[in-house]
Amino acid sequence: MVRAPDTEGIMEMPQSGEAIRGRENLRRFQEAYPGGAPSMRLRRVLVRDGLWVAEALYERGGGQVFDMVMILELKDGRIWQDRRYYAEPFEAPEWRARWVERAEF
């Protein structure tokens, strides 16, 4: 059986304008990651037909920590598109303290 080039699936990082297409490219990207693969701690996952939304704490080497959201689109039971958004934590401004409560995630 002759297999077409591995072009299925794409991981997008809109904030940096990057996209990684295909399983082999993603595998090579992960293997080359400086300081080893980052870690993720899932906070919650929402699942709907063909769509998963995952919220996580993302930590990469050097102590960098980000809040992350992944939007996973599935096709035939496999991840077809993976879109990731990263945000650095920040201190809440004092001016709004009277309307909000402190939440621990």
PDB file of N, CA and C in Angstrom:
ATOM      1  N   MET A   1       0.832  -1.172   0.000  1.00  0.00           N
ATOM      2  CA  MET A   1       0.000   0.000   0.000  1.00  0.00           C
ATOM      3  C   MET A   1       0.884   1.245   0.000  1.00  0.00           C
ATOM      4  N   VAL A   2       0.642   2.143  -0.918  1.00  0.00           N
ATOM      5  CA  VAL A   2       1.389   3.397  -0.996  1.00  0.00           C
ATOM      6  C   VAL A   2       0.647   4.439  -0.189  1.00  0.00           C
ATOM      7  N   ARG A   3       1.371   5.085   0.718  1.00  0.00           N
ATOM      8  CA  ARG A   3       0.748   6.079   1.584  1.00  0.00           C
ATOM      9  C   ARG A   3       1.116   7.474   1.103  1.00  0.00           C
ATOM     10  N   ALA A   4       0.127   8.364   1.092  1.00  0.00           N
ATOM     11  CA  ALA A   4       0.373   9.763   0.719  1.00  0.00           C
ATOM     12  C   ALA A   4       1.249  10.409   1.781  1.00  0.00           C
ATOM     13  N   PRO A   5       1.958  11.466   1.444  1.00  0.00           N
ATOM     14  CA  PRO A   5       2.768  12.168   2.446  1.00  0.00           C
ATOM     15  C   PRO A   5       1.907  12.548   3.649  1.00  0.00           C
ATOM     16  N   ASP A   6       2.526  12.539   4.815  1.00  0.00           N
ATOM     17  CA  ASP A   6       1.814  12.816   6.051  1.00  0.00           C
ATOM     18  C   ASP A   6       1.492  14.299   6.157  1.00  0.00           C
ATOM     19  N   THR A   7       0.324  14.685   5.670  1.00  0.00           N
ATOM     20  CA  THR A   7      -0.074  16.078   5.715  1.00  0.00           C
ATOM     21  C   THR A   7      -1.300  16.274   6.583  1.00  0.00           C
ATOM     22  N   GLU A   8      -1.764  15.212   7.233  1.00  0.00           N
ATOM     23  CA  GLU A   8      -2.958  15.375   8.050  1.00  0.00           C
ATOM     24  C   GLU A   8      -2.624  16.070   9.356  1.00  0.00           C
ATOM     25  N   GLY A   9      -3.533  16.897   9.788  1.00  0.00           N
ATOM     26  CA  GLY A   9      -3.402  17.573  11.065  1.00  0.00           C
ATOM     27  C   GLY A   9      -2.515  18.805  11.026  1.00  0.00           C
ATOM     28  N   ILE A  10      -2.862  19.751  11.887  1.00  0.00           N
ATOM     29  CA  ILE A  10      -2.095  20.985  11.979  1.00  0.00           C
ATOM     30  C   ILE A  10      -2.185  21.521  13.401  1.00  0.00           C
ATOM     31  N   MET A  11      -1.074  22.022  13.927  1.00  0.00           N
ATOM     32  CA  MET A  11      -1.067  22.706  15.210  1.00  0.00           C
ATOM     33  C   MET A  11      -0.764  24.165  14.926  1.00  0.00           C
ATOM     34  N   GLU A  12      -1.644  25.062  15.396  1.00  0.00           N
ATOM     35  CA  GLU A  12      -1.476  26.490  15.158  1.00  0.00           C
ATOM     36  C   GLU A  12      -1.228  27.224  16.470  1.00  0.00           C
ATOM     37  N   MET A  13      -0.349  28.212  16.395  1.00  0.00           N
ATOM     38  CA  MET A  13      -0.084  29.096  17.518  1.00  0.00           C
ATOM     39  C   MET A  13      -0.304  30.522  17.002  1.00  0.00           C
ATOM     40  N   PRO A  14      -1.576  30.993  17.012  1.00  0.00           N
ATOM     41  CA  PRO A  14      -1.918  32.278  16.393  1.00  0.00           C
ATOM     42  C   PRO A  14      -1.145  33.474  16.941  1.00  0.00           C
ATOM     43  N   GLN A  15      -0.798  33.461  18.225  1.00  0.00           N
ATOM     44  CA  GLN A  15      -0.116  34.622  18.794  1.00  0.00           C
ATOM     45  C   GLN A  15       1.263  34.840  18.188  1.00  0.00           C
ATOM     46  N   SER A  16       1.923  33.774  17.757  1.00  0.00           N
ATOM     47  CA  SER A  16       3.241  33.925  17.127  1.00  0.00           C
ATOM     48  C   SER A  16       3.165  33.772  15.611  1.00  0.00           C
ATOM     49  N   GLY A  17       1.975  33.476  15.081  1.00  0.00           N
ATOM     50  CA  GLY A  17       1.816  33.341  13.636  1.00  0.00           C
ATOM     51  C   GLY A  17       2.442  32.074  13.064  1.00  0.00           C
ATOM     52  N   GLU A  18       2.518  31.013  13.872  1.00  0.00           N
ATOM     53  CA  GLU A  18       3.153  29.774  13.427  1.00  0.00           C
ATOM     54  C   GLU A  18       2.127  28.653  13.273  1.00  0.00           C
ATOM     55  N   ALA A  19       2.450  27.719  12.403  1.00  0.00           N
ATOM     56  CA  ALA A  19       1.656  26.511  12.229  1.00  0.00           C
ATOM     57  C   ALA A  19       2.613  25.365  11.919  1.00  0.00           C
ATOM     58  N   ILE A  20       2.326  24.212  12.497  1.00  0.00           N
ATOM     59  CA  ILE A  20       3.116  23.007  12.227  1.00  0.00           C
ATOM     60  C   ILE A  20       2.166  22.009  11.589  1.00  0.00           C
ATOM     61  N   ARG A  21       2.458  21.605  10.378  1.00  0.00           N
ATOM     62  CA  ARG A  21       1.564  20.723   9.628  1.00  0.00           C
ATOM     63  C   ARG A  21       2.159  19.325   9.538  1.00  0.00           C
ATOM     64  N   GLY A  22       1.358  18.343   9.891  1.00  0.00           N
ATOM     65  CA  GLY A  22       1.766  16.952   9.732  1.00  0.00           C
ATOM     66  C   GLY A  22       2.392  16.353  10.970  1.00  0.00           C
ATOM     67  N   ARG A  23       2.144  15.074  11.156  1.00  0.00           N
ATOM     68  CA  ARG A  23       2.607  14.338  12.335  1.00  0.00           C
ATOM     69  C   ARG A  23       4.129  14.317  12.457  1.00  0.00           C
ATOM     70  N   GLU A  24       4.829  14.093  11.349  1.00  0.00           N
ATOM     71  CA  GLU A  24       6.291  14.021  11.407  1.00  0.00           C
ATOM     72  C   GLU A  24       6.909  15.362  11.786  1.00  0.00           C
ATOM     73  N   ASN A  25       6.394  16.445  11.249  1.00  0.00           N
ATOM     74  CA  ASN A  25       6.912  17.764  11.614  1.00  0.00           C
ATOM     75  C   ASN A  25       6.668  18.051  13.086  1.00  0.00           C
ATOM     76  N   LEU A  26       5.498  17.677  13.583  1.00  0.00           N
ATOM     77  CA  LEU A  26       5.200  17.888  14.997  1.00  0.00           C
ATOM     78  C   LEU A  26       6.133  17.046  15.876  1.00  0.00           C
ATOM     79  N   ARG A  27       6.375  15.825  15.494  1.00  0.00           N
ATOM     80  CA  ARG A  27       7.279  14.958  16.249  1.00  0.00           C
ATOM     81  C   ARG A  27       8.690  15.551  16.291  1.00  0.00           C
ATOM     82  N   ARG A  28       9.184  16.026  15.158  1.00  0.00           N
ATOM     83  CA  ARG A  28      10.518  16.636  15.111  1.00  0.00           C
ATOM     84  C   ARG A  28      10.577  17.906  15.960  1.00  0.00           C
ATOM     85  N   PHE A  29       9.518  18.701  15.912  1.00  0.00           N
ATOM     86  CA  PHE A  29       9.423  19.906  16.736  1.00  0.00           C
ATOM     87  C   PHE A  29       9.527  19.549  18.218  1.00  0.00           C
ATOM     88  N   GLN A  30       8.791  18.543  18.652  1.00  0.00           N
ATOM     89  CA  GLN A  30       8.807  18.137  20.058  1.00  0.00           C
ATOM     90  C   GLN A  30      10.175  17.608  20.472  1.00  0.00           C
ATOM     91  N   GLU A  31      10.816  16.830  19.607  1.00  0.00           N
ATOM     92  CA  GLU A  31      12.135  16.274  19.920  1.00  0.00           C
ATOM     93  C   GLU A  31      13.204  17.359  20.029  1.00  0.00           C
ATOM     94  N   ALA A  32      13.060  18.447  19.276  1.00  0.00           N
ATOM     95  CA  ALA A  32      14.062  19.511  19.255  1.00  0.00           C
ATOM     96  C   ALA A  32      13.803  20.591  20.308  1.00  0.00           C
ATOM     97  N   TYR A  33      12.741  20.460  21.087  1.00  0.00           N
ATOM     98  CA  TYR A  33      12.362  21.509  22.036  1.00  0.00           C
ATOM     99  C   TYR A  33      13.492  21.769  23.031  1.00  0.00           C
ATOM    100  N   PRO A  34      13.959  23.021  23.158  1.00  0.00           N
ATOM    101  CA  PRO A  34      15.062  23.343  24.068  1.00  0.00           C
ATOM    102  C   PRO A  34      14.713  23.013  25.517  1.00  0.00           C
ATOM    103  N   GLY A  35      15.630  22.343  26.211  1.00  0.00           N
ATOM    104  CA  GLY A  35      15.410  22.023  27.613  1.00  0.00           C
ATOM    105  C   GLY A  35      14.451  20.873  27.848  1.00  0.00           C
ATOM    106  N   GLY A  36      14.098  20.145  26.822  1.00  0.00           N
ATOM    107  CA  GLY A  36      13.164  19.037  26.970  1.00  0.00           C
ATOM    108  C   GLY A  36      11.724  19.481  26.825  1.00  0.00           C
ATOM    109  N   ALA A  37      10.866  18.523  26.762  1.00  0.00           N
ATOM    110  CA  ALA A  37       9.441  18.806  26.534  1.00  0.00           C
ATOM    111  C   ALA A  37       8.849  19.566  27.723  1.00  0.00           C
ATOM    112  N   PRO A  38       7.997  20.552  27.439  1.00  0.00           N
ATOM    113  CA  PRO A  38       7.325  21.264  28.520  1.00  0.00           C
ATOM    114  C   PRO A  38       6.300  20.359  29.206  1.00  0.00           C
ATOM    115  N   SER A  39       5.842  20.782  30.377  1.00  0.00           N
ATOM    116  CA  SER A  39       4.824  19.999  31.074  1.00  0.00           C
ATOM    117  C   SER A  39       3.518  20.787  31.120  1.00  0.00           C
ATOM    118  N   MET A  40       2.426  20.059  31.223  1.00  0.00           N
ATOM    119  CA  MET A  40       1.106  20.676  31.311  1.00  0.00           C
ATOM    120  C   MET A  40       0.329  20.028  32.446  1.00  0.00           C
ATOM    121  N   ARG A  41      -0.394  20.860  33.178  1.00  0.00           N
ATOM    122  CA  ARG A  41      -1.296  20.354  34.208  1.00  0.00           C
ATOM    123  C   ARG A  41      -2.702  20.769  33.802  1.00  0.00           C
ATOM    124  N   LEU A  42      -3.503  19.785  33.446  1.00  0.00           N
ATOM    125  CA  LEU A  42      -4.868  20.080  33.002  1.00  0.00           C
ATOM    126  C   LEU A  42      -5.703  20.618  34.145  1.00  0.00           C
ATOM    127  N   ARG A  43      -6.450  21.661  33.851  1.00  0.00           N
ATOM    128  CA  ARG A  43      -7.411  22.195  34.811  1.00  0.00           C
ATOM    129  C   ARG A  43      -8.803  21.669  34.511  1.00  0.00           C
ATOM    130  N   ARG A  44      -9.167  21.682  33.238  1.00  0.00           N
ATOM    131  CA  ARG A  44     -10.464  21.126  32.838  1.00  0.00           C
ATOM    132  C   ARG A  44     -10.487  20.936  31.329  1.00  0.00           C
ATOM    133  N   VAL A  45     -11.371  20.037  30.910  1.00  0.00           N
ATOM    134  CA  VAL A  45     -11.557  19.746  29.493  1.00  0.00           C
ATOM    135  C   VAL A  45     -13.053  19.733  29.220  1.00  0.00           C
ATOM    136  N   LEU A  46     -13.473  20.476  28.215  1.00  0.00           N
ATOM    137  CA  LEU A  46     -14.865  20.482  27.783  1.00  0.00           C
ATOM    138  C   LEU A  46     -14.942  19.720  26.466  1.00  0.00           C
ATOM    139  N   VAL A  47     -15.884  18.795  26.370  1.00  0.00           N
ATOM    140  CA  VAL A  47     -15.976  17.937  25.194  1.00  0.00           C
ATOM    141  C   VAL A  47     -17.353  18.081  24.550  1.00  0.00           C
ATOM    142  N   ARG A  48     -17.349  18.323  23.264  1.00  0.00           N
ATOM    143  CA  ARG A  48     -18.560  18.351  22.443  1.00  0.00           C
ATOM    144  C   ARG A  48     -18.268  17.518  21.203  1.00  0.00           C
ATOM    145  N   ASP A  49     -19.263  17.253  20.422  1.00  0.00           N
ATOM    146  CA  ASP A  49     -19.102  16.438  19.227  1.00  0.00           C
ATOM    147  C   ASP A  49     -18.020  17.011  18.315  1.00  0.00           C
ATOM    148  N   GLY A  50     -16.887  16.328  18.230  1.00  0.00           N
ATOM    149  CA  GLY A  50     -15.802  16.731  17.343  1.00  0.00           C
ATOM    150  C   GLY A  50     -14.979  17.910  17.827  1.00  0.00           C
ATOM    151  N   LEU A  51     -15.176  18.342  19.085  1.00  0.00           N
ATOM    152  CA  LEU A  51     -14.459  19.507  19.588  1.00  0.00           C
ATOM    153  C   LEU A  51     -14.119  19.319  21.059  1.00  0.00           C
ATOM    154  N   TRP A  52     -12.856  19.533  21.400  1.00  0.00           N
ATOM    155  CA  TRP A  52     -12.410  19.513  22.794  1.00  0.00           C
ATOM    156  C   TRP A  52     -11.773  20.858  23.072  1.00  0.00           C
ATOM    157  N   VAL A  53     -12.055  21.423  24.240  1.00  0.00           N
ATOM    158  CA  VAL A  53     -11.404  22.647  24.692  1.00  0.00           C
ATOM    159  C   VAL A  53     -10.752  22.315  26.026  1.00  0.00           C
ATOM    160  N   ALA A  54      -9.440  22.473  26.094  1.00  0.00           N
ATOM    161  CA  ALA A  54      -8.692  22.131  27.304  1.00  0.00           C
ATOM    162  C   ALA A  54      -8.040  23.387  27.872  1.00  0.00           C
ATOM    163  N   GLU A  55      -8.182  23.543  29.178  1.00  0.00           N
ATOM    164  CA  GLU A  55      -7.542  24.636  29.901  1.00  0.00           C
ATOM    165  C   GLU A  55      -6.439  24.016  30.744  1.00  0.00           C
ATOM    166  N   ALA A  56      -5.225  24.594  30.683  1.00  0.00           N
ATOM    167  CA  ALA A  56      -4.094  23.982  31.385  1.00  0.00           C
ATOM    168  C   ALA A  56      -3.117  25.028  31.889  1.00  0.00           C
ATOM    169  N   LEU A  57      -2.294  24.600  32.817  1.00  0.00           N
ATOM    170  CA  LEU A  57      -1.143  25.378  33.254  1.00  0.00           C
ATOM    171  C   LEU A  57       0.049  24.780  32.504  1.00  0.00           C
ATOM    172  N   TYR A  58       0.765  25.583  31.769  1.00  0.00           N
ATOM    173  CA  TYR A  58       1.836  25.151  30.876  1.00  0.00           C
ATOM    174  C   TYR A  58       3.157  25.660  31.438  1.00  0.00           C
ATOM    175  N   GLU A  59       4.101  24.767  31.648  1.00  0.00           N
ATOM    176  CA  GLU A  59       5.391  25.147  32.204  1.00  0.00           C
ATOM    177  C   GLU A  59       6.498  24.645  31.297  1.00  0.00           C
ATOM    178  N   ARG A  60       7.359  25.571  30.892  1.00  0.00           N
ATOM    179  CA  ARG A  60       8.507  25.148  30.099  1.00  0.00           C
ATOM    180  C   ARG A  60       9.776  25.462  30.856  1.00  0.00           C
ATOM    181  N   GLY A  61      10.881  24.959  30.376  1.00  0.00           N
ATOM    182  CA  GLY A  61      12.154  25.123  31.062  1.00  0.00           C
ATOM    183  C   GLY A  61      12.446  26.562  31.452  1.00  0.00           C
ATOM    184  N   GLY A  62      13.244  26.721  32.495  1.00  0.00           N
ATOM    185  CA  GLY A  62      13.615  28.053  32.934  1.00  0.00           C
ATOM    186  C   GLY A  62      12.582  28.714  33.824  1.00  0.00           C
ATOM    187  N   GLY A  63      11.584  27.946  34.264  1.00  0.00           N
ATOM    188  CA  GLY A  63      10.582  28.485  35.172  1.00  0.00           C
ATOM    189  C   GLY A  63       9.493  29.310  34.526  1.00  0.00           C
ATOM    190  N   GLN A  64       9.411  29.316  33.212  1.00  0.00           N
ATOM    191  CA  GLN A  64       8.341  30.056  32.543  1.00  0.00           C
ATOM    192  C   GLN A  64       7.029  29.304  32.704  1.00  0.00           C
ATOM    193  N   VAL A  65       6.003  30.015  33.188  1.00  0.00           N
ATOM    194  CA  VAL A  65       4.685  29.415  33.412  1.00  0.00           C
ATOM    195  C   VAL A  65       3.643  30.254  32.683  1.00  0.00           C
ATOM    196  N   PHE A  66       2.734  29.577  31.992  1.00  0.00           N
ATOM    197  CA  PHE A  66       1.683  30.246  31.232  1.00  0.00           C
ATOM    198  C   PHE A  66       0.352  29.560  31.496  1.00  0.00           C
ATOM    199  N   ASP A  67      -0.712  30.325  31.401  1.00  0.00           N
ATOM    200  CA  ASP A  67      -2.043  29.737  31.299  1.00  0.00           C
ATOM    201  C   ASP A  67      -2.233  29.421  29.825  1.00  0.00           C
ATOM    202  N   MET A  68      -2.826  28.280  29.524  1.00  0.00           N
ATOM    203  CA  MET A  68      -2.962  27.860  28.132  1.00  0.00           C
ATOM    204  C   MET A  68      -4.356  27.315  27.875  1.00  0.00           C
ATOM    205  N   VAL A  69      -4.848  27.587  26.688  1.00  0.00           N
ATOM    206  CA  VAL A  69      -6.097  26.992  26.213  1.00  0.00           C
ATOM    207  C   VAL A  69      -5.793  26.311  24.889  1.00  0.00           C
ATOM    208  N   MET A  70      -6.216  25.054  24.755  1.00  0.00           N
ATOM    209  CA  MET A  70      -6.087  24.314  23.500  1.00  0.00           C
ATOM    210  C   MET A  70      -7.483  24.055  22.954  1.00  0.00           C
ATOM    211  N   ILE A  71      -7.667  24.333  21.688  1.00  0.00           N
ATOM    212  CA  ILE A  71      -8.913  24.011  21.010  1.00  0.00           C
ATOM    213  C   ILE A  71      -8.577  22.899  20.029  1.00  0.00           C
ATOM    214  N   LEU A  72      -9.116  21.717  20.288  1.00  0.00           N
ATOM    215  CA  LEU A  72      -8.819  20.542  19.470  1.00  0.00           C
ATOM    216  C   LEU A  72     -10.032  20.174  18.637  1.00  0.00           C
ATOM    217  N   GLU A  73      -9.865  20.148  17.322  1.00  0.00           N
ATOM    218  CA  GLU A  73     -10.920  19.695  16.424  1.00  0.00           C
ATOM    219  C   GLU A  73     -10.588  18.269  15.997  1.00  0.00           C
ATOM    220  N   LEU A  74     -11.572  17.389  16.100  1.00  0.00           N
ATOM    221  CA  LEU A  74     -11.357  15.989  15.764  1.00  0.00           C
ATOM    222  C   LEU A  74     -12.032  15.630  14.447  1.00  0.00           C
ATOM    223  N   LYS A  75     -11.391  14.724  13.733  1.00  0.00           N
ATOM    224  CA  LYS A  75     -11.928  14.210  12.471  1.00  0.00           C
ATOM    225  C   LYS A  75     -11.643  12.719  12.462  1.00  0.00           C
ATOM    226  N   ASP A  76     -12.659  11.911  12.322  1.00  0.00           N
ATOM    227  CA  ASP A  76     -12.511  10.454  12.325  1.00  0.00           C
ATOM    228  C   ASP A  76     -11.813   9.957  13.592  1.00  0.00           C
ATOM    229  N   GLY A  77     -12.116  10.595  14.735  1.00  0.00           N
ATOM    230  CA  GLY A  77     -11.564  10.167  16.010  1.00  0.00           C
ATOM    231  C   GLY A  77     -10.122  10.575  16.275  1.00  0.00           C
ATOM    232  N   ARG A  78      -9.553  11.420  15.417  1.00  0.00           N
ATOM    233  CA  ARG A  78      -8.158  11.865  15.586  1.00  0.00           C
ATOM    234  C   ARG A  78      -8.109  13.379  15.593  1.00  0.00           C
ATOM    235  N   ILE A  79      -7.078  13.925  16.235  1.00  0.00           N
ATOM    236  CA  ILE A  79      -6.927  15.374  16.244  1.00  0.00           C
ATOM    237  C   ILE A  79      -6.607  15.842  14.828  1.00  0.00           C
ATOM    238  N   TRP A  80      -7.435  16.723  14.323  1.00  0.00           N
ATOM    239  CA  TRP A  80      -7.258  17.262  12.980  1.00  0.00           C
ATOM    240  C   TRP A  80      -6.609  18.640  13.055  1.00  0.00           C
ATOM    241  N   GLN A  81      -7.075  19.444  13.999  1.00  0.00           N
ATOM    242  CA  GLN A  81      -6.509  20.777  14.164  1.00  0.00           C
ATOM    243  C   GLN A  81      -6.373  21.068  15.654  1.00  0.00           C
ATOM    244  N   ASP A  82      -5.249  21.626  16.022  1.00  0.00           N
ATOM    245  CA  ASP A  82      -4.911  21.922  17.409  1.00  0.00           C
ATOM    246  C   ASP A  82      -4.498  23.387  17.444  1.00  0.00           C
ATOM    247  N   ARG A  83      -5.294  24.211  18.094  1.00  0.00           N
ATOM    248  CA  ARG A  83      -4.983  25.636  18.175  1.00  0.00           C
ATOM    249  C   ARG A  83      -4.704  25.963  19.634  1.00  0.00           C
ATOM    250  N   ARG A  84      -3.587  26.659  19.915  1.00  0.00           N
ATOM    251  CA  ARG A  84      -3.164  26.913  21.290  1.00  0.00           C
ATOM    252  C   ARG A  84      -2.985  28.412  21.539  1.00  0.00           C
ATOM    253  N   TYR A  85      -3.466  28.832  22.696  1.00  0.00           N
ATOM    254  CA  TYR A  85      -3.334  30.223  23.124  1.00  0.00           C
ATOM    255  C   TYR A  85      -2.637  30.249  24.484  1.00  0.00           C
ATOM    256  N   TYR A  86      -1.634  31.103  24.625  1.00  0.00           N
ATOM    257  CA  TYR A  86      -0.839  31.208  25.846  1.00  0.00           C
ATOM    258  C   TYR A  86      -0.973  32.613  26.430  1.00  0.00           C
ATOM    259  N   ALA A  87      -1.038  32.676  27.747  1.00  0.00           N
ATOM    260  CA  ALA A  87      -1.085  33.972  28.422  1.00  0.00           C
ATOM    261  C   ALA A  87      -0.222  33.907  29.674  1.00  0.00           C
ATOM    262  N   GLU A  88       0.596  34.931  29.882  1.00  0.00           N
ATOM    263  CA  GLU A  88       1.400  34.998  31.091  1.00  0.00           C
ATOM    264  C   GLU A  88       0.528  35.497  32.239  1.00  0.00           C
ATOM    265  N   PRO A  89       0.673  34.893  33.409  1.00  0.00           N
ATOM    266  CA  PRO A  89      -0.087  35.375  34.572  1.00  0.00           C
ATOM    267  C   PRO A  89       0.333  36.806  34.917  1.00  0.00           C
ATOM    268  N   PHE A  90      -0.577  37.559  35.500  1.00  0.00           N
ATOM    269  CA  PHE A  90      -0.271  38.922  35.936  1.00  0.00           C
ATOM    270  C   PHE A  90      -1.036  39.233  37.211  1.00  0.00           C
ATOM    271  N   GLU A  91      -0.538  40.191  37.954  1.00  0.00           N
ATOM    272  CA  GLU A  91      -1.198  40.607  39.189  1.00  0.00           C
ATOM    273  C   GLU A  91      -2.443  41.423  38.839  1.00  0.00           C
ATOM    274  N   ALA A  92      -3.522  41.131  39.540  1.00  0.00           N
ATOM    275  CA  ALA A  92      -4.766  41.873  39.320  1.00  0.00           C
ATOM    276  C   ALA A  92      -4.604  43.299  39.839  1.00  0.00           C
ATOM    277  N   PRO A  93      -5.137  44.278  39.100  1.00  0.00           N
ATOM    278  CA  PRO A  93      -5.040  45.657  39.564  1.00  0.00           C
ATOM    279  C   PRO A  93      -5.900  45.890  40.816  1.00  0.00           C
ATOM    280  N   GLU A  94      -5.412  46.709  41.700  1.00  0.00           N
ATOM    281  CA  GLU A  94      -6.085  46.972  42.976  1.00  0.00           C
ATOM    282  C   GLU A  94      -7.444  47.646  42.791  1.00  0.00           C
ATOM    283  N   TRP A  95      -7.613  48.466  41.750  1.00  0.00           N
ATOM    284  CA  TRP A  95      -8.840  49.248  41.587  1.00  0.00           C
ATOM    285  C   TRP A  95     -10.102  48.393  41.480  1.00  0.00           C
ATOM    286  N   ARG A  96      -9.970  47.144  41.047  1.00  0.00           N
ATOM    287  CA  ARG A  96     -11.170  46.321  40.875  1.00  0.00           C
ATOM    288  C   ARG A  96     -11.399  45.332  42.023  1.00  0.00           C
ATOM    289  N   ALA A  97     -10.587  45.392  43.054  1.00  0.00           N
ATOM    290  CA  ALA A  97     -10.648  44.437  44.160  1.00  0.00           C
ATOM    291  C   ALA A  97     -12.017  44.407  44.845  1.00  0.00           C
ATOM    292  N   ARG A  98     -12.737  45.528  44.906  1.00  0.00           N
ATOM    293  CA  ARG A  98     -14.026  45.539  45.617  1.00  0.00           C
ATOM    294  C   ARG A  98     -15.126  44.767  44.896  1.00  0.00           C
ATOM    295  N   TRP A  99     -14.925  44.400  43.611  1.00  0.00           N
ATOM    296  CA  TRP A  99     -15.950  43.676  42.856  1.00  0.00           C
ATOM    297  C   TRP A  99     -15.630  42.198  42.638  1.00  0.00           C
ATOM    298  N   VAL A 100     -14.432  41.800  42.950  1.00  0.00           N
ATOM    299  CA  VAL A 100     -14.020  40.434  42.627  1.00  0.00           C
ATOM    300  C   VAL A 100     -13.543  39.700  43.874  1.00  0.00           C
ATOM    301  N   GLU A 101     -13.495  38.399  43.787  1.00  0.00           N
ATOM    302  CA  GLU A 101     -12.903  37.591  44.864  1.00  0.00           C
ATOM    303  C   GLU A 101     -11.697  36.853  44.299  1.00  0.00           C
ATOM    304  N   ARG A 102     -10.784  36.504  45.133  1.00  0.00           N
ATOM    305  CA  ARG A 102      -9.573  35.792  44.716  1.00  0.00           C
ATOM    306  C   ARG A 102      -9.937  34.343  44.400  1.00  0.00           C
ATOM    307  N   ALA A 103      -9.546  33.866  43.251  1.00  0.00           N
ATOM    308  CA  ALA A 103      -9.823  32.490  42.832  1.00  0.00           C
ATOM    309  C   ALA A 103      -8.500  31.735  42.705  1.00  0.00           C
ATOM    310  N   GLU A 104      -8.453  30.542  43.213  1.00  0.00           N
ATOM    311  CA  GLU A 104      -7.270  29.685  43.088  1.00  0.00           C
ATOM    312  C   GLU A 104      -7.569  28.618  42.040  1.00  0.00           C
ATOM    313  N   PHE A 105      -6.677  28.489  41.090  1.00  0.00           N
ATOM    314  CA  PHE A 105      -6.878  27.519  40.006  1.00  0.00           C
ATOM    315  C   PHE A 105      -5.916  26.390  40.163  1.00  0.00           C
TER     316      PHE A 105
END
